[in-house]
């Protein structure tokens, strides 16, 4: 069984870097639209998207934001962390088949309030910057090792 292990506030240091990657599938766009209610045709309608500067459907910008959340939850600091704030600038679109790698880097630690500031960048498989920003996270003080839950298969139609 796969496990996740967090890093407590006392285990973190400025300059520590972790990454998280995911490849965008068409079902991710559909599921994100269903969960968020964002049904902008630039994401869901091939004909409409063909008339935009992108030429084809693109992922919701916040799908990339959700990958940053996943990186925080699973990598840095990991389980038990609380995502407090995020600034985010989108630089390029993500299209079906793109692999996005989020890189988190600890830039500041405020131990008294257990706050960690993370520089966040997301790049595609070609190294192109997709998004960047800064997150504030409350880091856990207790060590946790959890079993990765098995999610049910979701079939998008």
N, C-alpha and C. Protein backbone atom coordinates (compact mmCIF):
# COMPACT_ATOMS: atom_id res chain seq x y z
N UNK A 1 0.83 -1.18 0.00
CA UNK A 1 0.00 0.00 0.00
C UNK A 1 0.88 1.25 0.00
N UNK A 2 0.48 2.20 -0.85
CA UNK A 2 1.21 3.46 -0.91
C UNK A 2 0.91 4.29 0.33
N UNK A 3 1.92 5.00 0.79
CA UNK A 3 1.76 5.84 1.97
C UNK A 3 2.25 7.26 1.69
N UNK A 4 1.72 8.19 2.46
CA UNK A 4 2.17 9.58 2.44
C UNK A 4 2.69 9.93 3.82
N UNK A 5 3.81 10.62 3.86
CA UNK A 5 4.40 11.06 5.12
C UNK A 5 4.59 12.57 5.08
N UNK A 6 4.11 13.24 6.11
CA UNK A 6 4.24 14.70 6.12
C UNK A 6 5.61 15.13 6.64
N UNK A 7 5.84 16.41 6.51
CA UNK A 7 7.00 17.07 7.12
C UNK A 7 6.43 18.04 8.14
N UNK A 8 6.86 17.91 9.37
CA UNK A 8 6.37 18.80 10.42
C UNK A 8 7.08 20.14 10.31
N UNK A 9 6.55 21.13 11.01
CA UNK A 9 7.14 22.46 11.01
C UNK A 9 8.62 22.41 11.39
N UNK A 10 8.98 21.49 12.30
CA UNK A 10 10.38 21.39 12.74
C UNK A 10 11.28 20.71 11.72
N UNK A 11 10.71 20.03 10.75
CA UNK A 11 11.50 19.34 9.72
C UNK A 11 11.70 20.19 8.47
N UNK A 12 11.04 21.32 8.40
CA UNK A 12 11.11 22.16 7.20
C UNK A 12 12.30 23.11 7.29
N UNK A 13 12.82 23.47 6.12
CA UNK A 13 13.90 24.45 6.04
C UNK A 13 13.76 25.26 4.77
N UNK A 14 14.19 26.52 4.84
CA UNK A 14 14.15 27.38 3.65
C UNK A 14 14.99 26.72 2.56
N UNK A 15 14.44 26.70 1.35
CA UNK A 15 15.12 26.10 0.21
C UNK A 15 14.69 24.67 -0.09
N UNK A 16 13.96 24.04 0.83
CA UNK A 16 13.46 22.69 0.59
C UNK A 16 12.50 22.70 -0.59
N UNK A 17 12.65 21.73 -1.51
CA UNK A 17 11.86 21.69 -2.73
C UNK A 17 11.22 20.31 -2.88
N UNK A 18 9.95 20.29 -3.30
CA UNK A 18 9.23 19.06 -3.62
C UNK A 18 8.43 19.29 -4.90
N UNK A 19 8.15 18.19 -5.62
CA UNK A 19 7.38 18.29 -6.86
C UNK A 19 6.21 17.31 -6.86
N UNK A 20 5.26 17.61 -7.75
CA UNK A 20 4.08 16.77 -7.95
C UNK A 20 3.69 16.91 -9.42
N UNK A 21 3.39 15.80 -10.10
CA UNK A 21 3.05 15.84 -11.53
C UNK A 21 1.75 15.11 -11.81
N UNK A 22 1.04 15.59 -12.84
CA UNK A 22 -0.18 14.94 -13.31
C UNK A 22 -0.38 15.29 -14.79
N UNK A 23 -0.87 14.31 -15.54
CA UNK A 23 -1.19 14.51 -16.95
C UNK A 23 -2.69 14.76 -17.09
N UNK A 24 -3.04 15.82 -17.83
CA UNK A 24 -4.43 16.19 -18.02
C UNK A 24 -5.11 15.26 -19.03
N UNK A 25 -6.21 14.66 -18.61
CA UNK A 25 -7.05 13.85 -19.49
C UNK A 25 -8.37 14.59 -19.73
N UNK A 26 -9.04 14.23 -20.81
CA UNK A 26 -10.34 14.85 -21.12
C UNK A 26 -11.32 14.69 -19.95
N UNK A 27 -11.28 13.53 -19.29
CA UNK A 27 -12.22 13.33 -18.18
C UNK A 27 -11.91 14.28 -17.02
N UNK A 28 -10.65 14.73 -16.88
CA UNK A 28 -10.33 15.70 -15.83
C UNK A 28 -11.06 17.02 -16.08
N UNK A 29 -11.10 17.44 -17.35
CA UNK A 29 -11.81 18.69 -17.69
C UNK A 29 -13.29 18.55 -17.39
N UNK A 30 -13.87 17.42 -17.79
CA UNK A 30 -15.30 17.19 -17.56
C UNK A 30 -15.61 17.14 -16.06
N UNK A 31 -14.80 16.41 -15.32
CA UNK A 31 -15.05 16.30 -13.88
C UNK A 31 -14.84 17.63 -13.17
N UNK A 32 -13.83 18.40 -13.59
CA UNK A 32 -13.61 19.70 -12.97
C UNK A 32 -14.80 20.62 -13.25
N UNK A 33 -15.32 20.58 -14.47
CA UNK A 33 -16.50 21.39 -14.80
C UNK A 33 -17.70 20.97 -13.95
N UNK A 34 -17.88 19.67 -13.79
CA UNK A 34 -18.99 19.16 -12.99
C UNK A 34 -18.86 19.56 -11.53
N UNK A 35 -17.66 19.47 -10.99
CA UNK A 35 -17.44 19.81 -9.57
C UNK A 35 -17.54 21.31 -9.32
N UNK A 36 -16.99 22.11 -10.22
CA UNK A 36 -16.92 23.55 -9.99
C UNK A 36 -18.12 24.32 -10.52
N UNK A 37 -18.80 23.76 -11.52
CA UNK A 37 -19.88 24.49 -12.17
C UNK A 37 -19.39 25.40 -13.29
N UNK A 38 -18.09 25.43 -13.54
CA UNK A 38 -17.51 26.26 -14.60
C UNK A 38 -17.67 25.54 -15.93
N UNK A 39 -18.67 25.93 -16.69
CA UNK A 39 -18.95 25.29 -17.97
C UNK A 39 -18.61 26.20 -19.15
N UNK A 40 -17.62 27.04 -18.97
CA UNK A 40 -17.14 27.91 -20.05
C UNK A 40 -16.85 27.04 -21.28
N UNK A 41 -17.39 27.39 -22.44
CA UNK A 41 -17.19 26.56 -23.63
C UNK A 41 -15.74 26.44 -24.09
N UNK A 42 -14.87 27.32 -23.64
CA UNK A 42 -13.45 27.18 -24.01
C UNK A 42 -12.86 25.89 -23.44
N UNK A 43 -13.51 25.34 -22.42
CA UNK A 43 -13.05 24.08 -21.82
C UNK A 43 -13.77 22.87 -22.39
N UNK A 44 -15.02 23.03 -22.81
CA UNK A 44 -15.88 21.88 -23.07
C UNK A 44 -16.34 21.72 -24.53
N UNK A 45 -16.27 22.77 -25.34
CA UNK A 45 -16.84 22.75 -26.69
C UNK A 45 -15.71 22.90 -27.73
N UNK A 46 -15.40 21.81 -28.43
CA UNK A 46 -14.31 21.83 -29.41
C UNK A 46 -14.53 22.88 -30.49
N UNK A 47 -15.75 22.99 -30.97
CA UNK A 47 -16.03 23.95 -32.04
C UNK A 47 -15.83 25.38 -31.56
N UNK A 48 -16.34 25.67 -30.38
CA UNK A 48 -16.15 27.01 -29.82
C UNK A 48 -14.67 27.28 -29.58
N UNK A 49 -13.99 26.34 -28.93
CA UNK A 49 -12.58 26.52 -28.60
C UNK A 49 -11.72 26.73 -29.84
N UNK A 50 -12.14 26.15 -30.98
CA UNK A 50 -11.39 26.31 -32.23
C UNK A 50 -11.39 27.76 -32.70
N UNK A 51 -12.36 28.55 -32.25
CA UNK A 51 -12.44 29.96 -32.65
C UNK A 51 -11.65 30.88 -31.73
N UNK A 52 -11.06 30.33 -30.68
CA UNK A 52 -10.29 31.13 -29.71
C UNK A 52 -8.81 31.10 -30.08
N UNK A 53 -8.02 31.94 -29.47
CA UNK A 53 -6.57 31.91 -29.73
C UNK A 53 -5.92 30.58 -29.38
N UNK A 54 -6.58 29.76 -28.57
CA UNK A 54 -6.01 28.47 -28.16
C UNK A 54 -6.20 27.40 -29.22
N UNK A 55 -7.25 27.53 -30.04
CA UNK A 55 -7.49 26.60 -31.14
C UNK A 55 -8.10 25.27 -30.74
N UNK A 56 -8.16 25.00 -29.47
CA UNK A 56 -8.71 23.75 -28.96
C UNK A 56 -9.06 23.94 -27.49
N UNK A 57 -9.84 23.02 -26.92
CA UNK A 57 -10.20 23.17 -25.50
C UNK A 57 -8.96 23.20 -24.60
N UNK A 58 -9.08 23.99 -23.55
CA UNK A 58 -8.00 24.09 -22.55
C UNK A 58 -8.57 23.75 -21.18
N UNK A 59 -7.67 23.38 -20.28
CA UNK A 59 -8.06 23.10 -18.89
C UNK A 59 -8.49 24.39 -18.20
N UNK A 60 -9.32 24.23 -17.21
CA UNK A 60 -9.64 25.34 -16.32
C UNK A 60 -8.35 25.78 -15.64
N UNK A 61 -8.14 27.09 -15.50
CA UNK A 61 -6.94 27.55 -14.82
C UNK A 61 -6.82 26.98 -13.42
N UNK A 62 -7.95 26.86 -12.75
CA UNK A 62 -7.89 26.36 -11.38
C UNK A 62 -7.65 24.87 -11.29
N UNK A 63 -7.69 24.15 -12.43
CA UNK A 63 -7.22 22.76 -12.42
C UNK A 63 -5.74 22.77 -12.04
N UNK A 64 -4.99 23.70 -12.63
CA UNK A 64 -3.58 23.84 -12.25
C UNK A 64 -3.47 24.26 -10.79
N UNK A 65 -4.34 25.16 -10.35
CA UNK A 65 -4.37 25.54 -8.94
C UNK A 65 -4.64 24.35 -8.04
N UNK A 66 -5.51 23.46 -8.50
CA UNK A 66 -5.80 22.25 -7.71
C UNK A 66 -4.59 21.34 -7.61
N UNK A 67 -3.74 21.35 -8.64
CA UNK A 67 -2.50 20.55 -8.57
C UNK A 67 -1.56 21.12 -7.50
N UNK A 68 -1.56 22.43 -7.34
CA UNK A 68 -0.76 23.04 -6.27
C UNK A 68 -1.31 22.56 -4.93
N UNK A 69 -2.62 22.55 -4.79
CA UNK A 69 -3.24 22.05 -3.56
C UNK A 69 -2.84 20.60 -3.31
N UNK A 70 -2.86 19.78 -4.37
CA UNK A 70 -2.47 18.37 -4.23
C UNK A 70 -1.01 18.24 -3.81
N UNK A 71 -0.15 19.09 -4.37
CA UNK A 71 1.27 19.06 -4.01
C UNK A 71 1.46 19.41 -2.53
N UNK A 72 0.71 20.39 -2.06
CA UNK A 72 0.78 20.77 -0.64
C UNK A 72 0.28 19.62 0.23
N UNK A 73 -0.84 19.02 -0.17
CA UNK A 73 -1.47 17.96 0.64
C UNK A 73 -0.66 16.67 0.67
N UNK A 74 0.09 16.40 -0.40
CA UNK A 74 0.79 15.12 -0.48
C UNK A 74 2.30 15.20 -0.34
N UNK A 75 2.88 16.38 -0.61
CA UNK A 75 4.33 16.48 -0.67
C UNK A 75 4.94 17.45 0.34
N UNK A 76 4.42 18.68 0.38
CA UNK A 76 5.08 19.72 1.17
C UNK A 76 4.08 20.71 1.72
N UNK A 77 3.75 20.67 2.97
CA UNK A 77 4.25 19.81 4.02
C UNK A 77 3.63 18.42 4.05
N UNK A 78 2.50 18.22 3.34
CA UNK A 78 1.88 16.90 3.31
C UNK A 78 0.68 16.80 4.24
N UNK A 79 0.28 15.57 4.57
CA UNK A 79 -0.91 15.35 5.39
C UNK A 79 -0.90 16.15 6.68
N UNK A 80 -2.05 16.75 6.97
CA UNK A 80 -2.18 17.55 8.18
C UNK A 80 -1.93 19.03 7.97
N UNK A 81 -1.48 19.41 6.78
CA UNK A 81 -1.26 20.83 6.50
C UNK A 81 -2.59 21.51 6.18
N UNK A 82 -2.63 22.82 6.39
CA UNK A 82 -3.82 23.61 6.11
C UNK A 82 -3.42 24.72 5.13
N UNK A 83 -4.05 24.69 3.97
CA UNK A 83 -3.80 25.65 2.88
C UNK A 83 -4.48 26.96 3.26
N UNK A 84 -3.71 28.00 3.53
CA UNK A 84 -4.27 29.25 4.04
C UNK A 84 -4.53 30.30 2.97
N UNK A 85 -3.59 30.46 2.02
CA UNK A 85 -3.80 31.46 0.97
C UNK A 85 -2.95 31.11 -0.24
N UNK A 86 -3.32 31.72 -1.37
CA UNK A 86 -2.61 31.47 -2.62
C UNK A 86 -2.73 32.68 -3.52
N UNK A 87 -1.61 33.13 -4.06
CA UNK A 87 -1.64 34.07 -5.20
C UNK A 87 -1.23 33.24 -6.41
N UNK A 88 -1.79 33.55 -7.56
CA UNK A 88 -1.52 32.72 -8.73
C UNK A 88 -1.65 33.54 -9.99
N UNK A 89 -0.66 33.43 -10.86
CA UNK A 89 -0.68 34.07 -12.17
C UNK A 89 -0.58 32.98 -13.21
N UNK A 90 -1.52 32.98 -14.15
CA UNK A 90 -1.52 31.98 -15.23
C UNK A 90 -0.76 32.54 -16.42
N UNK A 91 0.19 31.75 -16.95
CA UNK A 91 1.05 32.21 -18.03
C UNK A 91 0.72 31.56 -19.37
N UNK A 92 0.37 30.27 -19.37
CA UNK A 92 0.07 29.54 -20.60
C UNK A 92 -1.02 28.52 -20.32
N UNK A 93 -1.78 28.15 -21.36
CA UNK A 93 -2.84 27.17 -21.17
C UNK A 93 -2.31 25.75 -21.04
N UNK A 94 -3.16 24.91 -20.48
CA UNK A 94 -2.88 23.48 -20.38
C UNK A 94 -3.90 22.78 -21.27
N UNK A 95 -3.41 21.86 -22.10
CA UNK A 95 -4.28 21.13 -23.03
C UNK A 95 -4.24 19.65 -22.70
N UNK A 96 -5.27 18.93 -23.16
CA UNK A 96 -5.36 17.49 -22.93
C UNK A 96 -4.06 16.83 -23.39
N UNK A 97 -3.51 15.98 -22.54
CA UNK A 97 -2.25 15.29 -22.82
C UNK A 97 -1.03 15.97 -22.23
N UNK A 98 -1.17 17.23 -21.80
CA UNK A 98 -0.05 17.92 -21.17
C UNK A 98 0.20 17.34 -19.78
N UNK A 99 1.47 17.21 -19.44
CA UNK A 99 1.85 16.81 -18.09
C UNK A 99 2.35 18.06 -17.37
N UNK A 100 1.69 18.37 -16.26
CA UNK A 100 2.04 19.56 -15.48
C UNK A 100 2.78 19.10 -14.22
N UNK A 101 3.94 19.71 -14.00
CA UNK A 101 4.72 19.45 -12.80
C UNK A 101 4.73 20.70 -11.94
N UNK A 102 4.24 20.56 -10.73
CA UNK A 102 4.23 21.64 -9.75
C UNK A 102 5.49 21.52 -8.90
N UNK A 103 6.19 22.62 -8.74
CA UNK A 103 7.36 22.67 -7.87
C UNK A 103 7.06 23.64 -6.73
N UNK A 104 7.20 23.13 -5.52
CA UNK A 104 7.02 23.95 -4.32
C UNK A 104 8.38 24.14 -3.67
N UNK A 105 8.67 25.36 -3.27
CA UNK A 105 9.94 25.67 -2.62
C UNK A 105 9.67 26.52 -1.38
N UNK A 106 10.20 26.09 -0.25
CA UNK A 106 10.02 26.83 1.00
C UNK A 106 10.85 28.11 0.93
N UNK A 107 10.16 29.26 1.03
CA UNK A 107 10.87 30.55 0.99
C UNK A 107 10.92 31.25 2.34
N UNK A 108 10.02 30.86 3.26
CA UNK A 108 10.00 31.49 4.58
C UNK A 108 9.29 30.57 5.56
N UNK A 109 9.74 30.58 6.79
CA UNK A 109 9.11 29.80 7.85
C UNK A 109 8.90 30.71 9.05
N UNK A 110 7.67 30.75 9.54
CA UNK A 110 7.34 31.50 10.75
C UNK A 110 6.95 30.46 11.80
N UNK A 111 7.96 29.97 12.51
CA UNK A 111 7.76 28.83 13.42
C UNK A 111 6.74 29.09 14.51
N UNK A 112 6.71 30.29 15.05
CA UNK A 112 5.81 30.59 16.16
C UNK A 112 4.36 30.32 15.80
N UNK A 113 3.98 30.65 14.54
CA UNK A 113 2.59 30.44 14.11
C UNK A 113 2.47 29.27 13.13
N UNK A 114 3.56 28.52 12.98
CA UNK A 114 3.60 27.32 12.14
C UNK A 114 3.25 27.62 10.68
N UNK A 115 3.59 28.82 10.22
CA UNK A 115 3.27 29.24 8.86
C UNK A 115 4.48 29.05 7.95
N UNK A 116 4.23 28.44 6.81
CA UNK A 116 5.27 28.22 5.81
C UNK A 116 4.84 28.94 4.54
N UNK A 117 5.76 29.70 3.95
CA UNK A 117 5.51 30.37 2.68
C UNK A 117 6.19 29.56 1.60
N UNK A 118 5.41 29.21 0.57
CA UNK A 118 5.92 28.37 -0.51
C UNK A 118 5.86 29.12 -1.84
N UNK A 119 6.98 29.17 -2.54
CA UNK A 119 6.96 29.63 -3.93
C UNK A 119 6.45 28.46 -4.77
N UNK A 120 5.51 28.74 -5.65
CA UNK A 120 4.86 27.69 -6.44
C UNK A 120 5.07 27.97 -7.93
N UNK A 121 5.49 26.97 -8.65
CA UNK A 121 5.58 27.07 -10.11
C UNK A 121 5.02 25.80 -10.71
N UNK A 122 4.37 25.95 -11.87
CA UNK A 122 3.87 24.81 -12.62
C UNK A 122 4.41 24.92 -14.04
N UNK A 123 5.04 23.85 -14.51
CA UNK A 123 5.59 23.79 -15.87
C UNK A 123 4.99 22.61 -16.61
N UNK A 124 4.90 22.73 -17.93
CA UNK A 124 4.44 21.59 -18.71
C UNK A 124 5.62 20.70 -19.09
N UNK A 125 5.35 19.66 -19.85
CA UNK A 125 6.36 18.67 -20.21
C UNK A 125 7.48 19.27 -21.07
N UNK A 126 7.25 20.43 -21.65
CA UNK A 126 8.28 21.09 -22.46
C UNK A 126 9.06 22.13 -21.66
N UNK A 127 8.76 22.22 -20.35
CA UNK A 127 9.45 23.18 -19.50
C UNK A 127 8.85 24.57 -19.53
N UNK A 128 7.74 24.75 -20.23
CA UNK A 128 7.09 26.05 -20.33
C UNK A 128 6.37 26.36 -19.02
N UNK A 129 6.56 27.59 -18.51
CA UNK A 129 5.91 28.01 -17.28
C UNK A 129 4.41 28.17 -17.52
N UNK A 130 3.62 27.44 -16.78
CA UNK A 130 2.16 27.47 -16.90
C UNK A 130 1.56 28.47 -15.91
N UNK A 131 2.05 28.43 -14.68
CA UNK A 131 1.52 29.31 -13.63
C UNK A 131 2.57 29.45 -12.54
N UNK A 132 2.46 30.56 -11.81
CA UNK A 132 3.34 30.74 -10.65
C UNK A 132 2.63 31.57 -9.61
N UNK A 133 3.09 31.43 -8.38
CA UNK A 133 2.48 32.18 -7.30
C UNK A 133 3.13 31.86 -5.98
N UNK A 134 2.45 32.26 -4.92
CA UNK A 134 2.95 32.06 -3.56
C UNK A 134 1.79 31.53 -2.71
N UNK A 135 2.08 30.50 -1.93
CA UNK A 135 1.08 29.92 -1.03
C UNK A 135 1.54 30.09 0.41
N UNK A 136 0.57 30.25 1.30
CA UNK A 136 0.83 30.21 2.73
C UNK A 136 0.12 28.99 3.29
N UNK A 137 0.86 28.22 4.06
CA UNK A 137 0.35 26.95 4.59
C UNK A 137 0.67 26.86 6.07
N UNK A 138 -0.29 26.40 6.84
CA UNK A 138 -0.01 26.09 8.24
C UNK A 138 0.50 24.66 8.26
N UNK A 139 1.72 24.51 8.72
CA UNK A 139 2.37 23.19 8.73
C UNK A 139 1.97 22.40 9.97
N UNK A 140 1.90 21.09 9.82
CA UNK A 140 1.56 20.26 10.98
C UNK A 140 2.69 20.23 12.00
N UNK A 141 2.33 20.06 13.26
CA UNK A 141 3.34 19.91 14.30
C UNK A 141 3.52 18.44 14.67
N UNK A 142 2.57 17.62 14.28
CA UNK A 142 2.62 16.18 14.58
C UNK A 142 2.97 15.39 13.33
N UNK A 143 3.82 14.40 13.47
CA UNK A 143 4.19 13.52 12.37
C UNK A 143 3.00 12.65 12.00
N UNK A 144 2.77 12.48 10.70
CA UNK A 144 1.69 11.62 10.22
C UNK A 144 2.18 10.79 9.04
N UNK A 145 1.83 9.54 9.05
CA UNK A 145 2.04 8.66 7.90
C UNK A 145 0.69 8.03 7.64
N UNK A 146 0.15 8.28 6.46
CA UNK A 146 -1.18 7.77 6.14
C UNK A 146 -1.12 6.88 4.90
N UNK A 147 -2.06 5.96 4.83
CA UNK A 147 -2.21 5.13 3.64
C UNK A 147 -2.98 5.95 2.61
N UNK A 148 -2.47 5.97 1.36
CA UNK A 148 -3.15 6.70 0.29
C UNK A 148 -4.49 6.01 0.02
N UNK A 149 -5.58 6.75 0.13
CA UNK A 149 -6.88 6.11 -0.10
C UNK A 149 -7.04 5.73 -1.57
N UNK A 150 -7.73 4.62 -1.79
CA UNK A 150 -8.04 4.20 -3.15
C UNK A 150 -9.33 4.88 -3.55
N UNK A 151 -9.28 5.69 -4.61
CA UNK A 151 -10.47 6.40 -5.06
C UNK A 151 -11.23 5.54 -6.05
N UNK A 152 -12.55 5.67 -6.07
CA UNK A 152 -13.33 4.88 -7.01
C UNK A 152 -13.07 5.32 -8.45
N UNK A 153 -13.17 4.41 -9.39
CA UNK A 153 -13.03 4.75 -10.81
C UNK A 153 -14.23 5.58 -11.21
N UNK A 154 -13.98 6.70 -11.89
CA UNK A 154 -15.06 7.56 -12.36
C UNK A 154 -15.02 7.54 -13.88
N UNK A 155 -16.12 7.21 -14.47
CA UNK A 155 -16.21 7.12 -15.93
C UNK A 155 -16.94 8.36 -16.43
N UNK A 156 -16.23 9.17 -17.22
CA UNK A 156 -16.85 10.37 -17.80
C UNK A 156 -17.43 10.03 -19.15
N UNK A 157 -18.61 10.54 -19.42
CA UNK A 157 -19.28 10.23 -20.68
C UNK A 157 -19.13 11.28 -21.72
